[in-house]
Amino acid sequence: MTKNIKYQHNLKRINDIAFKSEGSIEKQIKLASIQAKRITDEDKAIERALLAKQLGYTDIFEVFFQRAFELGKVSLKDYREYKLTKLGI
């Protein structure tokens, strides 16, 4: 799959989550979690996380970032630093 096609596919998935959630953060997290659990490709998980962050969907970003960590794309150090920064530490 070419880079542009992958980008368009990931963009569609993120926008689908945002649209179907109808503004509900709980629904965003639930829909993103369902998708993230099905992902086995660590690159796909981080690509979706970064795209969600770029689009301003912080909660969707966190779900896919967590999945990227679980799959080994995000190091424990980077994951820990992100969580500490989020907590303001």
N, C-alpha and C. Protein backbone atom coordinates (compact mmCIF):
# COMPACT_ATOMS: atom_id res chain seq x y z
N MET A 1 0.85 -1.18 0.00
CA MET A 1 0.00 0.00 0.00
C MET A 1 0.89 1.24 0.00
N THR A 2 0.64 2.14 -0.91
CA THR A 2 1.48 3.34 -0.97
C THR A 2 1.20 4.25 0.21
N LYS A 3 2.13 5.16 0.43
CA LYS A 3 2.04 6.06 1.58
C LYS A 3 0.76 6.89 1.55
N ASN A 4 0.40 7.42 0.39
CA ASN A 4 -0.79 8.25 0.28
C ASN A 4 -2.07 7.44 0.53
N ILE A 5 -2.11 6.22 0.02
CA ILE A 5 -3.28 5.36 0.23
C ILE A 5 -3.41 5.01 1.71
N LYS A 6 -2.28 4.69 2.37
CA LYS A 6 -2.29 4.40 3.80
C LYS A 6 -2.78 5.60 4.59
N TYR A 7 -2.29 6.79 4.22
CA TYR A 7 -2.69 8.01 4.90
C TYR A 7 -4.20 8.21 4.75
N GLN A 8 -4.71 8.08 3.54
CA GLN A 8 -6.14 8.27 3.28
C GLN A 8 -6.98 7.24 4.06
N HIS A 9 -6.50 6.01 4.11
CA HIS A 9 -7.20 4.96 4.85
C HIS A 9 -7.24 5.29 6.34
N ASN A 10 -6.10 5.68 6.89
CA ASN A 10 -6.05 6.03 8.31
C ASN A 10 -6.90 7.27 8.61
N LEU A 11 -6.87 8.25 7.71
CA LEU A 11 -7.68 9.45 7.87
C LEU A 11 -9.17 9.09 7.90
N LYS A 12 -9.57 8.20 7.01
CA LYS A 12 -10.97 7.77 6.97
C LYS A 12 -11.35 7.09 8.28
N ARG A 13 -10.50 6.24 8.78
CA ARG A 13 -10.80 5.53 10.04
C ARG A 13 -10.94 6.51 11.21
N ILE A 14 -10.03 7.46 11.32
CA ILE A 14 -10.10 8.44 12.41
C ILE A 14 -11.36 9.30 12.28
N ASN A 15 -11.63 9.76 11.06
CA ASN A 15 -12.83 10.58 10.85
C ASN A 15 -14.11 9.79 11.08
N ASP A 16 -14.11 8.50 10.74
CA ASP A 16 -15.27 7.65 11.02
C ASP A 16 -15.54 7.56 12.51
N ILE A 17 -14.49 7.39 13.29
CA ILE A 17 -14.63 7.33 14.74
C ILE A 17 -15.23 8.63 15.26
N ALA A 18 -14.66 9.75 14.81
CA ALA A 18 -15.14 11.06 15.27
C ALA A 18 -16.59 11.29 14.87
N PHE A 19 -16.94 10.93 13.63
CA PHE A 19 -18.30 11.14 13.14
C PHE A 19 -19.30 10.26 13.88
N LYS A 20 -18.98 8.98 14.01
CA LYS A 20 -19.91 8.04 14.63
C LYS A 20 -20.08 8.27 16.12
N SER A 21 -19.13 8.93 16.75
CA SER A 21 -19.22 9.17 18.19
C SER A 21 -20.16 10.33 18.52
N GLU A 22 -20.53 11.10 17.50
CA GLU A 22 -21.48 12.21 17.67
C GLU A 22 -21.08 13.15 18.81
N GLY A 23 -19.78 13.39 18.95
CA GLY A 23 -19.28 14.32 19.96
C GLY A 23 -19.08 13.74 21.34
N SER A 24 -19.42 12.49 21.53
CA SER A 24 -19.27 11.83 22.83
C SER A 24 -17.86 11.27 22.98
N ILE A 25 -17.15 11.74 23.99
CA ILE A 25 -15.79 11.24 24.26
C ILE A 25 -15.82 9.75 24.58
N GLU A 26 -16.82 9.33 25.36
CA GLU A 26 -16.93 7.91 25.72
C GLU A 26 -17.08 7.04 24.47
N LYS A 27 -17.90 7.50 23.52
CA LYS A 27 -18.07 6.75 22.27
C LYS A 27 -16.79 6.76 21.45
N GLN A 28 -16.09 7.89 21.44
CA GLN A 28 -14.82 7.96 20.71
C GLN A 28 -13.85 6.91 21.25
N ILE A 29 -13.73 6.86 22.55
CA ILE A 29 -12.81 5.92 23.18
C ILE A 29 -13.24 4.48 22.90
N LYS A 30 -14.54 4.22 23.00
CA LYS A 30 -15.04 2.87 22.75
C LYS A 30 -14.78 2.44 21.31
N LEU A 31 -15.13 3.29 20.34
CA LEU A 31 -14.92 2.95 18.93
C LEU A 31 -13.44 2.82 18.59
N ALA A 32 -12.63 3.71 19.12
CA ALA A 32 -11.18 3.64 18.88
C ALA A 32 -10.60 2.37 19.50
N SER A 33 -11.08 2.00 20.67
CA SER A 33 -10.60 0.80 21.35
C SER A 33 -10.92 -0.45 20.55
N ILE A 34 -12.13 -0.50 19.99
CA ILE A 34 -12.51 -1.65 19.17
C ILE A 34 -11.56 -1.78 17.98
N GLN A 35 -11.31 -0.66 17.31
CA GLN A 35 -10.39 -0.68 16.16
C GLN A 35 -8.98 -1.05 16.60
N ALA A 36 -8.52 -0.42 17.66
CA ALA A 36 -7.13 -0.62 18.10
C ALA A 36 -6.86 -2.07 18.47
N LYS A 37 -7.82 -2.72 19.11
CA LYS A 37 -7.63 -4.12 19.51
C LYS A 37 -7.42 -5.04 18.32
N ARG A 38 -7.97 -4.66 17.16
CA ARG A 38 -7.84 -5.47 15.95
C ARG A 38 -6.53 -5.25 15.23
N ILE A 39 -5.83 -4.19 15.57
CA ILE A 39 -4.57 -3.86 14.89
C ILE A 39 -3.44 -4.74 15.41
N THR A 40 -2.74 -5.36 14.49
CA THR A 40 -1.58 -6.17 14.85
C THR A 40 -0.29 -5.58 14.29
N ASP A 41 -0.42 -4.57 13.45
CA ASP A 41 0.73 -3.89 12.83
C ASP A 41 1.09 -2.66 13.65
N GLU A 42 2.26 -2.69 14.25
CA GLU A 42 2.67 -1.59 15.13
C GLU A 42 2.77 -0.25 14.39
N ASP A 43 3.16 -0.29 13.13
CA ASP A 43 3.24 0.96 12.35
C ASP A 43 1.85 1.56 12.14
N LYS A 44 0.87 0.72 11.88
CA LYS A 44 -0.49 1.21 11.69
C LYS A 44 -1.00 1.87 12.97
N ALA A 45 -0.70 1.29 14.11
CA ALA A 45 -1.15 1.85 15.38
C ALA A 45 -0.55 3.23 15.63
N ILE A 46 0.75 3.39 15.39
CA ILE A 46 1.38 4.69 15.65
C ILE A 46 0.96 5.71 14.59
N GLU A 47 0.78 5.26 13.35
CA GLU A 47 0.33 6.19 12.31
C GLU A 47 -1.05 6.75 12.65
N ARG A 48 -1.95 5.90 13.13
CA ARG A 48 -3.28 6.38 13.51
C ARG A 48 -3.21 7.28 14.73
N ALA A 49 -2.35 6.93 15.66
CA ALA A 49 -2.20 7.78 16.86
C ALA A 49 -1.73 9.17 16.46
N LEU A 50 -0.69 9.24 15.66
CA LEU A 50 -0.14 10.53 15.28
C LEU A 50 -1.11 11.35 14.44
N LEU A 51 -1.86 10.69 13.58
CA LEU A 51 -2.85 11.38 12.76
C LEU A 51 -3.98 11.92 13.64
N ALA A 52 -4.43 11.12 14.59
CA ALA A 52 -5.48 11.58 15.50
C ALA A 52 -5.01 12.80 16.29
N LYS A 53 -3.76 12.77 16.73
CA LYS A 53 -3.21 13.90 17.48
C LYS A 53 -3.15 15.14 16.59
N GLN A 54 -2.71 14.96 15.36
CA GLN A 54 -2.62 16.06 14.39
C GLN A 54 -4.00 16.68 14.15
N LEU A 55 -5.03 15.86 14.13
CA LEU A 55 -6.38 16.33 13.88
C LEU A 55 -7.07 16.87 15.15
N GLY A 56 -6.40 16.74 16.28
CA GLY A 56 -6.93 17.28 17.53
C GLY A 56 -7.80 16.33 18.33
N TYR A 57 -7.77 15.05 17.98
CA TYR A 57 -8.55 14.04 18.70
C TYR A 57 -7.66 13.37 19.76
N THR A 58 -7.49 14.05 20.87
CA THR A 58 -6.58 13.59 21.92
C THR A 58 -6.97 12.23 22.47
N ASP A 59 -8.25 12.01 22.69
CA ASP A 59 -8.69 10.74 23.27
C ASP A 59 -8.47 9.57 22.31
N ILE A 60 -8.70 9.81 21.03
CA ILE A 60 -8.44 8.78 20.02
C ILE A 60 -6.94 8.53 19.94
N PHE A 61 -6.15 9.61 19.99
CA PHE A 61 -4.69 9.48 19.99
C PHE A 61 -4.24 8.55 21.11
N GLU A 62 -4.76 8.77 22.30
CA GLU A 62 -4.31 7.98 23.45
C GLU A 62 -4.60 6.50 23.28
N VAL A 63 -5.74 6.16 22.71
CA VAL A 63 -6.08 4.75 22.50
C VAL A 63 -5.08 4.10 21.54
N PHE A 64 -4.82 4.75 20.42
CA PHE A 64 -3.90 4.17 19.43
C PHE A 64 -2.44 4.23 19.91
N PHE A 65 -2.11 5.25 20.69
CA PHE A 65 -0.75 5.35 21.26
C PHE A 65 -0.53 4.19 22.23
N GLN A 66 -1.53 3.90 23.05
CA GLN A 66 -1.46 2.77 23.98
C GLN A 66 -1.26 1.47 23.20
N ARG A 67 -2.00 1.31 22.10
CA ARG A 67 -1.87 0.10 21.29
C ARG A 67 -0.48 0.00 20.66
N ALA A 68 0.04 1.13 20.19
CA ALA A 68 1.39 1.15 19.63
C ALA A 68 2.40 0.73 20.69
N PHE A 69 2.19 1.15 21.92
CA PHE A 69 3.06 0.74 23.02
C PHE A 69 2.94 -0.77 23.25
N GLU A 70 1.71 -1.27 23.29
CA GLU A 70 1.49 -2.70 23.51
C GLU A 70 2.16 -3.55 22.43
N LEU A 71 2.19 -3.04 21.20
CA LEU A 71 2.78 -3.78 20.08
C LEU A 71 4.29 -3.58 19.97
N GLY A 72 4.84 -2.68 20.78
CA GLY A 72 6.29 -2.50 20.79
C GLY A 72 6.82 -1.35 19.96
N LYS A 73 5.97 -0.56 19.36
CA LYS A 73 6.42 0.57 18.53
C LYS A 73 6.87 1.74 19.40
N VAL A 74 6.26 1.90 20.55
CA VAL A 74 6.59 2.97 21.49
C VAL A 74 7.36 2.33 22.64
N SER A 75 8.51 2.89 22.95
CA SER A 75 9.33 2.33 24.04
C SER A 75 8.69 2.63 25.40
N LEU A 76 9.06 1.83 26.36
CA LEU A 76 8.56 2.05 27.73
C LEU A 76 8.96 3.44 28.22
N LYS A 77 10.16 3.86 27.90
CA LYS A 77 10.64 5.18 28.31
C LYS A 77 9.76 6.28 27.70
N ASP A 78 9.51 6.21 26.41
CA ASP A 78 8.68 7.22 25.75
C ASP A 78 7.26 7.21 26.28
N TYR A 79 6.72 6.01 26.51
CA TYR A 79 5.36 5.90 27.03
C TYR A 79 5.28 6.49 28.43
N ARG A 80 6.25 6.18 29.25
CA ARG A 80 6.28 6.70 30.63
C ARG A 80 6.41 8.22 30.61
N GLU A 81 7.28 8.75 29.77
CA GLU A 81 7.44 10.21 29.68
C GLU A 81 6.15 10.89 29.25
N TYR A 82 5.45 10.29 28.30
CA TYR A 82 4.17 10.86 27.86
C TYR A 82 3.17 10.89 29.01
N LYS A 83 3.06 9.79 29.72
CA LYS A 83 2.09 9.71 30.83
C LYS A 83 2.45 10.70 31.94
N LEU A 84 3.73 10.84 32.25
CA LEU A 84 4.16 11.78 33.29
C LEU A 84 3.90 13.22 32.87
N THR A 85 4.15 13.52 31.61
CA THR A 85 3.88 14.86 31.08
C THR A 85 2.39 15.16 31.15
N LYS A 86 1.59 14.19 30.81
CA LYS A 86 0.13 14.37 30.87
C LYS A 86 -0.33 14.65 32.30
N LEU A 87 0.32 14.03 33.25
CA LEU A 87 -0.01 14.23 34.66
C LEU A 87 0.58 15.53 35.21
N GLY A 88 1.42 16.18 34.41
CA GLY A 88 2.04 17.42 34.84
C GLY A 88 3.25 17.22 35.72
N ILE A 89 3.85 16.05 35.63
CA ILE A 89 5.02 15.73 36.46
C ILE A 89 6.28 15.87 35.64
